[in-house]
């Protein structure tokens, strides 16, 4: 009697859209993750320009919707807002983040949220890394020819953090999330 042959499960690539929300500039980054492989697809910034708050939020919502239509992501990740010293700035950033999340939900995407600390720790290995370190690690991890714009790099980092979390990348190296921080298991 022949034993059944077990074939390895084929892991399909997952397209992930990372968002770094901002009222003036919202960064986006699209990657594909398959197993431990991460491939760059696209990145850029949506600029809301001048105008009233509702007009600017509409620009962000429309821009993210267009990114979703063009690149067809299957999952999304958004950086969580931290509280600034200036409450007015925090409120405006929260509204921009709300517009971004609304656009993702309207596109039918599941939305994961990560703190800046989690993103930096997942990409650099240090939750208190400088923006330049994050940009350079994004460049290295995605094998890019140059360093991406700051907001786009942060969005790509968010997508990378989600790819690592979603595929068990951090769990596979003995890490788990506890109260917004990645800690050893």
N, C-alpha and C. Protein backbone atom coordinates (compact mmCIF):
# COMPACT_ATOMS: atom_id res chain seq x y z
N UNK A 1 0.83 -1.17 0.00
CA UNK A 1 0.00 0.00 0.00
C UNK A 1 0.89 1.25 0.00
N UNK A 2 0.64 2.10 -0.98
CA UNK A 2 1.45 3.32 -1.12
C UNK A 2 0.98 4.38 -0.13
N UNK A 3 1.93 5.04 0.46
CA UNK A 3 1.60 6.14 1.37
C UNK A 3 1.24 7.38 0.56
N UNK A 4 0.28 8.18 1.05
CA UNK A 4 -0.07 9.40 0.31
C UNK A 4 1.11 10.37 0.31
N UNK A 5 1.30 10.99 -0.81
CA UNK A 5 2.38 11.97 -0.96
C UNK A 5 1.84 13.34 -0.56
N UNK A 6 2.56 14.00 0.33
CA UNK A 6 2.18 15.35 0.75
C UNK A 6 2.99 16.37 -0.03
N UNK A 7 2.30 17.14 -0.79
CA UNK A 7 2.97 18.20 -1.53
C UNK A 7 3.01 19.45 -0.65
N UNK A 8 4.09 20.24 -0.77
CA UNK A 8 4.14 21.47 0.03
C UNK A 8 3.03 22.43 -0.43
N UNK A 9 2.45 23.10 0.53
CA UNK A 9 1.40 24.06 0.21
C UNK A 9 1.98 25.21 -0.59
N UNK A 10 1.31 25.57 -1.65
CA UNK A 10 1.76 26.70 -2.45
C UNK A 10 1.27 27.98 -1.79
N UNK A 11 2.19 28.84 -1.51
CA UNK A 11 1.84 30.10 -0.87
C UNK A 11 1.73 31.17 -1.95
N UNK A 12 0.55 31.70 -2.12
CA UNK A 12 0.34 32.73 -3.12
C UNK A 12 0.85 34.07 -2.61
N UNK A 13 1.31 34.92 -3.51
CA UNK A 13 1.76 36.24 -3.06
C UNK A 13 0.58 37.07 -2.55
N UNK A 14 0.85 37.86 -1.54
CA UNK A 14 -0.14 38.77 -0.97
C UNK A 14 0.32 40.18 -1.29
N UNK A 15 -0.57 40.97 -1.87
CA UNK A 15 -0.26 42.36 -2.18
C UNK A 15 -0.76 43.22 -1.02
N UNK A 16 0.15 44.00 -0.45
CA UNK A 16 -0.15 44.80 0.75
C UNK A 16 0.08 46.27 0.45
N UNK A 17 -0.90 47.09 0.83
CA UNK A 17 -0.80 48.54 0.71
C UNK A 17 -0.55 49.12 2.10
N UNK A 18 0.57 49.79 2.26
CA UNK A 18 0.89 50.48 3.50
C UNK A 18 0.58 51.96 3.36
N UNK A 19 0.04 52.55 4.42
CA UNK A 19 -0.32 53.97 4.40
C UNK A 19 0.34 54.67 5.59
N UNK A 20 1.00 55.79 5.31
CA UNK A 20 1.52 56.69 6.34
C UNK A 20 0.68 57.96 6.26
N UNK A 21 -0.37 58.07 7.10
CA UNK A 21 -1.32 59.17 6.94
C UNK A 21 -0.75 60.52 7.37
N UNK A 22 -1.16 61.55 6.64
CA UNK A 22 -0.83 62.93 6.96
C UNK A 22 -1.80 63.83 6.23
N UNK A 23 -2.11 64.97 6.81
CA UNK A 23 -3.07 65.84 6.16
C UNK A 23 -2.47 66.50 4.92
N UNK A 24 -1.24 66.95 5.01
CA UNK A 24 -0.59 67.56 3.83
C UNK A 24 -0.11 66.50 2.85
N UNK A 25 0.56 65.49 3.39
CA UNK A 25 1.15 64.45 2.56
C UNK A 25 0.86 63.09 3.17
N UNK A 26 0.23 62.23 2.42
CA UNK A 26 0.00 60.85 2.83
C UNK A 26 0.85 59.95 1.95
N UNK A 27 1.71 59.18 2.59
CA UNK A 27 2.56 58.26 1.84
C UNK A 27 1.86 56.94 1.62
N UNK A 28 2.13 56.31 0.48
CA UNK A 28 1.62 54.97 0.23
C UNK A 28 2.75 54.10 -0.31
N UNK A 29 2.67 52.82 0.00
CA UNK A 29 3.66 51.87 -0.48
C UNK A 29 2.99 50.53 -0.72
N UNK A 30 3.25 49.93 -1.86
CA UNK A 30 2.66 48.65 -2.21
C UNK A 30 3.78 47.64 -2.38
N UNK A 31 3.64 46.52 -1.69
CA UNK A 31 4.61 45.43 -1.81
C UNK A 31 3.86 44.12 -2.04
N UNK A 32 4.59 43.12 -2.48
CA UNK A 32 4.07 41.76 -2.53
C UNK A 32 4.91 40.91 -1.60
N UNK A 33 4.23 40.10 -0.81
CA UNK A 33 4.90 39.20 0.12
C UNK A 33 4.53 37.77 -0.23
N UNK A 34 5.55 36.95 -0.34
CA UNK A 34 5.33 35.52 -0.58
C UNK A 34 6.37 34.77 0.24
N UNK A 35 5.91 34.10 1.30
CA UNK A 35 6.84 33.47 2.22
C UNK A 35 7.69 34.56 2.85
N UNK A 36 8.99 34.42 2.76
CA UNK A 36 9.89 35.43 3.31
C UNK A 36 10.36 36.43 2.25
N UNK A 37 9.85 36.32 1.02
CA UNK A 37 10.23 37.23 -0.06
C UNK A 37 9.35 38.46 -0.05
N UNK A 38 9.96 39.63 -0.17
CA UNK A 38 9.25 40.91 -0.22
C UNK A 38 9.66 41.62 -1.51
N UNK A 39 8.67 41.97 -2.35
CA UNK A 39 8.95 42.63 -3.61
C UNK A 39 8.28 44.00 -3.65
N UNK A 40 9.01 44.97 -4.12
CA UNK A 40 8.49 46.32 -4.28
C UNK A 40 7.56 46.36 -5.49
N UNK A 41 6.40 47.01 -5.34
CA UNK A 41 5.48 47.20 -6.45
C UNK A 41 5.41 48.68 -6.82
N UNK A 42 5.11 49.53 -5.84
CA UNK A 42 4.99 50.97 -6.11
C UNK A 42 4.99 51.74 -4.81
N UNK A 43 5.27 53.03 -4.91
CA UNK A 43 5.16 53.91 -3.74
C UNK A 43 5.05 55.34 -4.23
N UNK A 44 4.61 56.20 -3.34
CA UNK A 44 4.48 57.61 -3.69
C UNK A 44 3.78 58.37 -2.58
N UNK A 45 3.37 59.57 -2.93
CA UNK A 45 2.71 60.44 -1.97
C UNK A 45 1.46 61.06 -2.59
N UNK A 46 0.46 61.23 -1.75
CA UNK A 46 -0.76 61.93 -2.14
C UNK A 46 -0.71 63.26 -1.40
N UNK A 47 -0.71 64.33 -2.15
CA UNK A 47 -0.63 65.67 -1.55
C UNK A 47 -1.99 66.34 -1.63
N UNK A 48 -2.46 66.82 -0.47
CA UNK A 48 -3.81 67.38 -0.41
C UNK A 48 -3.85 68.85 -0.81
N UNK A 49 -2.70 69.51 -0.86
CA UNK A 49 -2.66 70.91 -1.29
C UNK A 49 -3.31 71.84 -0.29
N UNK A 50 -3.77 72.95 -0.79
CA UNK A 50 -4.42 73.96 0.05
C UNK A 50 -5.92 73.82 -0.10
N UNK A 51 -6.64 74.48 0.76
CA UNK A 51 -8.10 74.45 0.68
C UNK A 51 -8.68 74.16 2.04
N UNK A 52 -9.98 73.99 2.05
CA UNK A 52 -10.66 73.70 3.31
C UNK A 52 -10.36 72.27 3.74
N UNK A 53 -10.59 71.99 5.01
CA UNK A 53 -10.35 70.65 5.53
C UNK A 53 -11.16 69.59 4.77
N UNK A 54 -12.46 69.80 4.55
CA UNK A 54 -13.21 68.78 3.79
C UNK A 54 -12.64 68.54 2.39
N UNK A 55 -12.19 69.59 1.72
CA UNK A 55 -11.62 69.43 0.37
C UNK A 55 -10.34 68.61 0.43
N UNK A 56 -9.51 68.88 1.42
CA UNK A 56 -8.24 68.17 1.56
C UNK A 56 -8.47 66.70 1.90
N UNK A 57 -9.43 66.44 2.79
CA UNK A 57 -9.75 65.05 3.13
C UNK A 57 -10.31 64.30 1.92
N UNK A 58 -11.07 65.01 1.09
CA UNK A 58 -11.60 64.40 -0.14
C UNK A 58 -10.47 64.02 -1.08
N UNK A 59 -9.46 64.88 -1.19
CA UNK A 59 -8.30 64.58 -2.04
C UNK A 59 -7.61 63.30 -1.55
N UNK A 60 -7.44 63.17 -0.23
CA UNK A 60 -6.79 61.98 0.32
C UNK A 60 -7.63 60.73 0.06
N UNK A 61 -8.92 60.82 0.32
CA UNK A 61 -9.82 59.67 0.12
C UNK A 61 -9.80 59.24 -1.35
N UNK A 62 -9.92 60.21 -2.24
CA UNK A 62 -9.93 59.92 -3.67
C UNK A 62 -8.58 59.34 -4.13
N UNK A 63 -7.49 59.91 -3.62
CA UNK A 63 -6.16 59.43 -4.00
C UNK A 63 -5.90 58.00 -3.57
N UNK A 64 -6.30 57.66 -2.35
CA UNK A 64 -6.11 56.29 -1.87
C UNK A 64 -7.01 55.33 -2.65
N UNK A 65 -8.20 55.78 -2.96
CA UNK A 65 -9.10 54.94 -3.77
C UNK A 65 -8.46 54.64 -5.13
N UNK A 66 -7.84 55.65 -5.76
CA UNK A 66 -7.18 55.46 -7.05
C UNK A 66 -5.99 54.49 -6.93
N UNK A 67 -5.23 54.60 -5.83
CA UNK A 67 -4.11 53.67 -5.61
C UNK A 67 -4.65 52.24 -5.49
N UNK A 68 -5.75 52.08 -4.77
CA UNK A 68 -6.36 50.74 -4.61
C UNK A 68 -6.82 50.19 -5.95
N UNK A 69 -7.44 51.03 -6.77
CA UNK A 69 -7.90 50.58 -8.09
C UNK A 69 -6.74 50.21 -8.99
N UNK A 70 -5.66 50.99 -8.94
CA UNK A 70 -4.53 50.74 -9.83
C UNK A 70 -3.72 49.52 -9.43
N UNK A 71 -3.47 49.32 -8.13
CA UNK A 71 -2.55 48.27 -7.70
C UNK A 71 -3.24 47.04 -7.11
N UNK A 72 -4.55 47.09 -6.88
CA UNK A 72 -5.33 45.94 -6.43
C UNK A 72 -4.73 45.21 -5.22
N UNK A 73 -4.49 45.93 -4.12
CA UNK A 73 -3.98 45.23 -2.93
C UNK A 73 -5.04 44.32 -2.33
N UNK A 74 -4.58 43.34 -1.57
CA UNK A 74 -5.48 42.41 -0.89
C UNK A 74 -5.59 42.71 0.60
N UNK A 75 -4.59 43.41 1.12
CA UNK A 75 -4.57 43.78 2.54
C UNK A 75 -3.99 45.17 2.66
N UNK A 76 -4.27 45.80 3.81
CA UNK A 76 -3.71 47.14 4.03
C UNK A 76 -3.24 47.28 5.46
N UNK A 77 -2.31 48.19 5.64
CA UNK A 77 -1.77 48.49 6.95
C UNK A 77 -1.61 50.00 7.07
N UNK A 78 -2.03 50.53 8.21
CA UNK A 78 -2.00 51.97 8.45
C UNK A 78 -1.24 52.24 9.74
N UNK A 79 -0.38 53.24 9.70
CA UNK A 79 0.33 53.63 10.91
C UNK A 79 -0.63 54.36 11.84
N UNK A 80 -0.59 54.00 13.12
CA UNK A 80 -1.44 54.64 14.11
C UNK A 80 -0.92 56.03 14.45
N UNK A 81 -1.82 56.89 14.86
CA UNK A 81 -1.49 58.26 15.22
C UNK A 81 -0.92 58.29 16.63
N UNK A 82 0.12 59.07 16.80
CA UNK A 82 0.63 59.31 18.14
C UNK A 82 0.17 60.70 18.56
N UNK A 83 0.13 60.94 19.84
CA UNK A 83 -0.35 62.22 20.35
C UNK A 83 0.80 63.22 20.33
N UNK A 84 0.56 64.34 19.63
CA UNK A 84 1.54 65.42 19.57
C UNK A 84 1.40 66.32 20.78
N UNK A 85 2.35 67.22 20.92
CA UNK A 85 2.26 68.25 21.94
C UNK A 85 1.10 69.18 21.60
N UNK A 86 0.89 69.40 20.30
CA UNK A 86 -0.16 70.29 19.84
C UNK A 86 -1.43 69.48 19.57
N UNK A 87 -2.48 69.67 20.41
CA UNK A 87 -3.70 68.88 20.22
C UNK A 87 -4.38 69.14 18.88
N UNK A 88 -4.28 70.36 18.35
CA UNK A 88 -4.90 70.68 17.06
C UNK A 88 -4.25 69.86 15.94
N UNK A 89 -2.93 69.73 15.97
CA UNK A 89 -2.23 68.93 14.96
C UNK A 89 -2.62 67.46 15.06
N UNK A 90 -2.76 66.97 16.29
CA UNK A 90 -3.16 65.58 16.49
C UNK A 90 -4.56 65.34 15.93
N UNK A 91 -5.46 66.28 16.17
CA UNK A 91 -6.83 66.16 15.67
C UNK A 91 -6.86 66.14 14.14
N UNK A 92 -6.10 67.03 13.50
CA UNK A 92 -6.06 67.07 12.04
C UNK A 92 -5.46 65.78 11.47
N UNK A 93 -4.41 65.29 12.11
CA UNK A 93 -3.79 64.04 11.66
C UNK A 93 -4.77 62.88 11.81
N UNK A 94 -5.53 62.89 12.90
CA UNK A 94 -6.54 61.85 13.11
C UNK A 94 -7.62 61.87 12.04
N UNK A 95 -7.99 63.07 11.60
CA UNK A 95 -9.00 63.18 10.54
C UNK A 95 -8.45 62.67 9.21
N UNK A 96 -7.18 62.96 8.93
CA UNK A 96 -6.56 62.44 7.71
C UNK A 96 -6.48 60.92 7.77
N UNK A 97 -6.15 60.40 8.93
CA UNK A 97 -6.09 58.95 9.11
C UNK A 97 -7.47 58.33 8.92
N UNK A 98 -8.50 59.00 9.41
CA UNK A 98 -9.87 58.52 9.24
C UNK A 98 -10.27 58.47 7.78
N UNK A 99 -9.85 59.49 7.02
CA UNK A 99 -10.14 59.49 5.57
C UNK A 99 -9.43 58.33 4.89
N UNK A 100 -8.18 58.07 5.30
CA UNK A 100 -7.41 56.96 4.71
C UNK A 100 -8.07 55.62 5.02
N UNK A 101 -8.45 55.42 6.27
CA UNK A 101 -9.09 54.16 6.66
C UNK A 101 -10.43 54.00 5.94
N UNK A 102 -11.17 55.10 5.81
CA UNK A 102 -12.46 55.04 5.09
C UNK A 102 -12.25 54.61 3.65
N UNK A 103 -11.23 55.15 2.99
CA UNK A 103 -10.95 54.77 1.60
C UNK A 103 -10.62 53.29 1.50
N UNK A 104 -9.85 52.78 2.46
CA UNK A 104 -9.47 51.36 2.44
C UNK A 104 -10.67 50.47 2.68
N UNK A 105 -11.53 50.87 3.62
CA UNK A 105 -12.73 50.09 3.91
C UNK A 105 -13.68 50.10 2.71
N UNK A 106 -13.82 51.27 2.07
CA UNK A 106 -14.67 51.35 0.88
C UNK A 106 -14.14 50.48 -0.26
N UNK A 107 -12.81 50.28 -0.28
CA UNK A 107 -12.21 49.40 -1.30
C UNK A 107 -12.34 47.93 -0.93
N UNK A 108 -12.92 47.65 0.24
CA UNK A 108 -13.13 46.27 0.66
C UNK A 108 -11.90 45.60 1.26
N UNK A 109 -10.94 46.41 1.72
CA UNK A 109 -9.70 45.84 2.26
C UNK A 109 -9.76 45.68 3.77
N UNK A 110 -9.18 44.59 4.28
CA UNK A 110 -8.99 44.50 5.72
C UNK A 110 -7.90 45.50 6.12
N UNK A 111 -8.07 46.16 7.25
CA UNK A 111 -7.14 47.20 7.68
C UNK A 111 -6.47 46.77 8.98
N UNK A 112 -5.14 46.68 8.95
CA UNK A 112 -4.36 46.41 10.15
C UNK A 112 -3.71 47.72 10.58
N UNK A 113 -3.53 47.88 11.87
CA UNK A 113 -2.95 49.11 12.38
C UNK A 113 -1.70 48.79 13.20
N UNK A 114 -0.67 49.60 13.01
CA UNK A 114 0.60 49.40 13.70
C UNK A 114 1.09 50.73 14.24
N UNK A 115 1.67 50.70 15.43
CA UNK A 115 2.27 51.91 15.99
C UNK A 115 3.60 52.15 15.28
N UNK A 116 4.08 53.37 15.36
CA UNK A 116 5.39 53.69 14.77
C UNK A 116 6.47 52.82 15.40
N UNK A 117 6.36 52.56 16.69
CA UNK A 117 7.32 51.71 17.39
C UNK A 117 7.33 50.30 16.81
N UNK A 118 6.15 49.74 16.54
CA UNK A 118 6.08 48.40 15.96
C UNK A 118 6.67 48.37 14.55
N UNK A 119 6.38 49.40 13.76
CA UNK A 119 6.89 49.46 12.39
C UNK A 119 8.42 49.53 12.41
N UNK A 120 8.96 50.43 13.22
CA UNK A 120 10.42 50.58 13.28
C UNK A 120 11.08 49.31 13.78
N UNK A 121 10.49 48.70 14.78
CA UNK A 121 11.08 47.48 15.32
C UNK A 121 11.04 46.35 14.29
N UNK A 122 9.95 46.26 13.54
CA UNK A 122 9.83 45.20 12.53
C UNK A 122 10.81 45.39 11.38
N UNK A 123 11.08 46.64 11.01
CA UNK A 123 11.92 46.91 9.84
C UNK A 123 13.40 47.09 10.21
N UNK A 124 13.66 47.82 11.29
CA UNK A 124 15.04 48.13 11.67
C UNK A 124 15.54 47.23 12.79
N UNK A 125 14.60 46.77 13.64
CA UNK A 125 15.01 46.00 14.80
C UNK A 125 15.15 46.85 16.04
N UNK A 126 14.86 48.15 15.89
CA UNK A 126 14.94 49.09 17.01
C UNK A 126 13.74 50.01 16.93
N UNK A 127 12.88 49.97 17.93
CA UNK A 127 11.67 50.78 17.93
C UNK A 127 11.90 52.27 18.01
N UNK A 128 13.12 52.67 18.32
CA UNK A 128 13.44 54.10 18.42
C UNK A 128 14.39 54.54 17.32
N UNK A 129 14.37 53.84 16.20
CA UNK A 129 15.25 54.15 15.07
C UNK A 129 14.88 55.49 14.46
N UNK A 130 15.86 56.16 13.90
CA UNK A 130 15.65 57.44 13.21
C UNK A 130 15.00 57.18 11.85
N UNK A 131 14.34 58.21 11.32
CA UNK A 131 13.67 58.10 10.01
C UNK A 131 14.66 57.65 8.93
N UNK A 132 15.88 58.15 8.99
CA UNK A 132 16.89 57.81 7.98
C UNK A 132 17.21 56.32 8.02
N UNK A 133 17.26 55.74 9.23
CA UNK A 133 17.52 54.31 9.36
C UNK A 133 16.38 53.50 8.74
N UNK A 134 15.15 53.95 8.96
CA UNK A 134 13.99 53.25 8.40
C UNK A 134 14.07 53.30 6.87
N UNK A 135 14.34 54.48 6.33
CA UNK A 135 14.44 54.63 4.86
C UNK A 135 15.51 53.73 4.27
N UNK A 136 16.67 53.68 4.91
CA UNK A 136 17.76 52.84 4.39
C UNK A 136 17.44 51.36 4.50
N UNK A 137 16.77 50.95 5.57
CA UNK A 137 16.40 49.53 5.69
C UNK A 137 15.33 49.16 4.68
N UNK A 138 14.39 50.06 4.42
CA UNK A 138 13.38 49.81 3.39
C UNK A 138 14.08 49.63 2.05
N UNK A 139 15.04 50.50 1.75
CA UNK A 139 15.79 50.40 0.51
C UNK A 139 16.49 49.04 0.41
N UNK A 140 17.11 48.61 1.49
CA UNK A 140 17.84 47.33 1.47
C UNK A 140 16.91 46.13 1.39
N UNK A 141 15.83 46.16 2.20
CA UNK A 141 14.91 45.02 2.23
C UNK A 141 14.17 44.81 0.91
N UNK A 142 13.89 45.91 0.21
CA UNK A 142 13.17 45.81 -1.06
C UNK A 142 14.09 45.92 -2.27
N UNK A 143 15.41 45.99 -2.01
CA UNK A 143 16.41 46.04 -3.08
C UNK A 143 16.14 47.19 -4.05
N UNK A 144 15.90 48.39 -3.50
CA UNK A 144 15.62 49.56 -4.32
C UNK A 144 16.92 50.24 -4.75
N UNK A 145 16.89 50.90 -5.90
CA UNK A 145 18.07 51.60 -6.40
C UNK A 145 18.40 52.84 -5.59
N UNK A 146 17.38 53.49 -5.02
CA UNK A 146 17.59 54.69 -4.23
C UNK A 146 16.71 54.69 -3.00
N UNK A 147 16.95 55.68 -2.15
CA UNK A 147 16.15 55.82 -0.93
C UNK A 147 14.82 56.48 -1.31
N UNK A 148 13.69 55.88 -0.95
CA UNK A 148 12.39 56.49 -1.28
C UNK A 148 12.14 57.75 -0.46
N UNK A 149 11.19 58.58 -0.93
CA UNK A 149 10.78 59.77 -0.18
C UNK A 149 10.41 59.35 1.24
N UNK A 150 10.55 60.24 2.19
CA UNK A 150 10.32 59.93 3.59
C UNK A 150 8.93 59.34 3.86
N UNK A 151 7.86 60.00 3.38
CA UNK A 151 6.50 59.51 3.64
C UNK A 151 6.24 58.18 2.93
N UNK A 152 6.78 58.03 1.72
CA UNK A 152 6.63 56.77 0.99
C UNK A 152 7.42 55.66 1.68
N UNK A 153 8.60 55.98 2.19
CA UNK A 153 9.41 54.99 2.91
C UNK A 153 8.68 54.52 4.17
N UNK A 154 8.05 55.45 4.89
CA UNK A 154 7.30 55.07 6.09
C UNK A 154 6.12 54.16 5.72
N UNK A 155 5.46 54.44 4.60
CA UNK A 155 4.34 53.60 4.16
C UNK A 155 4.84 52.21 3.76
N UNK A 156 5.96 52.15 3.05
CA UNK A 156 6.54 50.85 2.69
C UNK A 156 6.95 50.08 3.94
N UNK A 157 7.49 50.79 4.92
CA UNK A 157 7.87 50.16 6.19
C UNK A 157 6.64 49.58 6.88
N UNK A 158 5.54 50.30 6.83
CA UNK A 158 4.29 49.81 7.43
C UNK A 158 3.82 48.54 6.71
N UNK A 159 3.91 48.53 5.40
CA UNK A 159 3.54 47.34 4.63
C UNK A 159 4.48 46.17 4.96
N UNK A 160 5.77 46.45 5.11
CA UNK A 160 6.73 45.40 5.48
C UNK A 160 6.43 44.85 6.87
N UNK A 161 6.10 45.73 7.81
CA UNK A 161 5.77 45.28 9.16
C UNK A 161 4.55 44.36 9.11
N UNK A 162 3.57 44.73 8.29
CA UNK A 162 2.37 43.88 8.17
C UNK A 162 2.71 42.56 7.51
N UNK A 163 3.55 42.59 6.50
CA UNK A 163 3.94 41.34 5.83
C UNK A 163 4.63 40.41 6.83
N UNK A 164 5.50 40.96 7.66
CA UNK A 164 6.19 40.14 8.65
C UNK A 164 5.22 39.61 9.69
N UNK A 165 4.29 40.44 10.09
CA UNK A 165 3.30 40.02 11.09
C UNK A 165 2.32 39.02 10.50
N UNK A 166 1.82 39.30 9.30
CA UNK A 166 0.79 38.46 8.67
C UNK A 166 1.33 37.09 8.30
N UNK A 167 2.59 37.00 7.93
CA UNK A 167 3.16 35.71 7.53
C UNK A 167 3.87 35.03 8.69
N UNK A 168 3.70 35.59 9.89
CA UNK A 168 4.33 34.98 11.06
C UNK A 168 5.80 35.25 11.14
N UNK A 169 6.28 36.23 10.37
CA UNK A 169 7.71 36.53 10.34
C UNK A 169 8.29 36.83 11.71
N UNK A 170 7.63 37.67 12.47
CA UNK A 170 8.14 37.99 13.79
C UNK A 170 7.94 36.83 14.76
N UNK A 171 6.83 36.13 14.62
CA UNK A 171 6.60 34.96 15.48
C UNK A 171 7.65 33.89 15.19
N UNK A 172 8.05 33.80 13.92
CA UNK A 172 9.05 32.79 13.54
C UNK A 172 10.42 33.08 14.13
N UNK A 173 10.68 34.33 14.50
CA UNK A 173 11.98 34.65 15.09
C UNK A 173 11.85 34.90 16.59
N UNK A 174 10.73 34.44 17.17
CA UNK A 174 10.57 34.51 18.61
C UNK A 174 10.08 35.84 19.13
N UNK A 175 9.27 36.56 18.36
CA UNK A 175 8.74 37.86 18.79
C UNK A 175 7.22 37.82 18.76
N UNK A 176 6.59 38.60 19.64
CA UNK A 176 5.14 38.79 19.59
C UNK A 176 4.83 40.22 20.03
N UNK A 177 3.62 40.67 19.71
CA UNK A 177 3.21 42.02 20.06
C UNK A 177 2.57 42.01 21.44
N UNK A 178 3.02 42.94 22.28
CA UNK A 178 2.43 43.11 23.60
C UNK A 178 2.33 44.61 23.89
N UNK A 179 1.10 45.10 24.00
CA UNK A 179 0.81 46.50 24.27
C UNK A 179 1.57 47.44 23.32
N UNK A 180 1.52 47.12 22.03
CA UNK A 180 2.11 48.00 21.02
C UNK A 180 3.59 47.85 20.80
N UNK A 181 4.24 46.88 21.49
CA UNK A 181 5.68 46.68 21.33
C UNK A 181 5.94 45.23 20.96
N UNK A 182 6.98 45.02 20.16
CA UNK A 182 7.39 43.66 19.84
C UNK A 182 8.33 43.20 20.93
N UNK A 183 8.04 42.07 21.56
CA UNK A 183 8.85 41.56 22.64
C UNK A 183 9.22 40.11 22.36
N UNK A 184 10.27 39.65 22.99
CA UNK A 184 10.70 38.25 22.82
C UNK A 184 9.70 37.32 23.47
N UNK A 185 9.52 36.17 22.84
CA UNK A 185 8.60 35.16 23.39
C UNK A 185 9.34 34.36 24.45
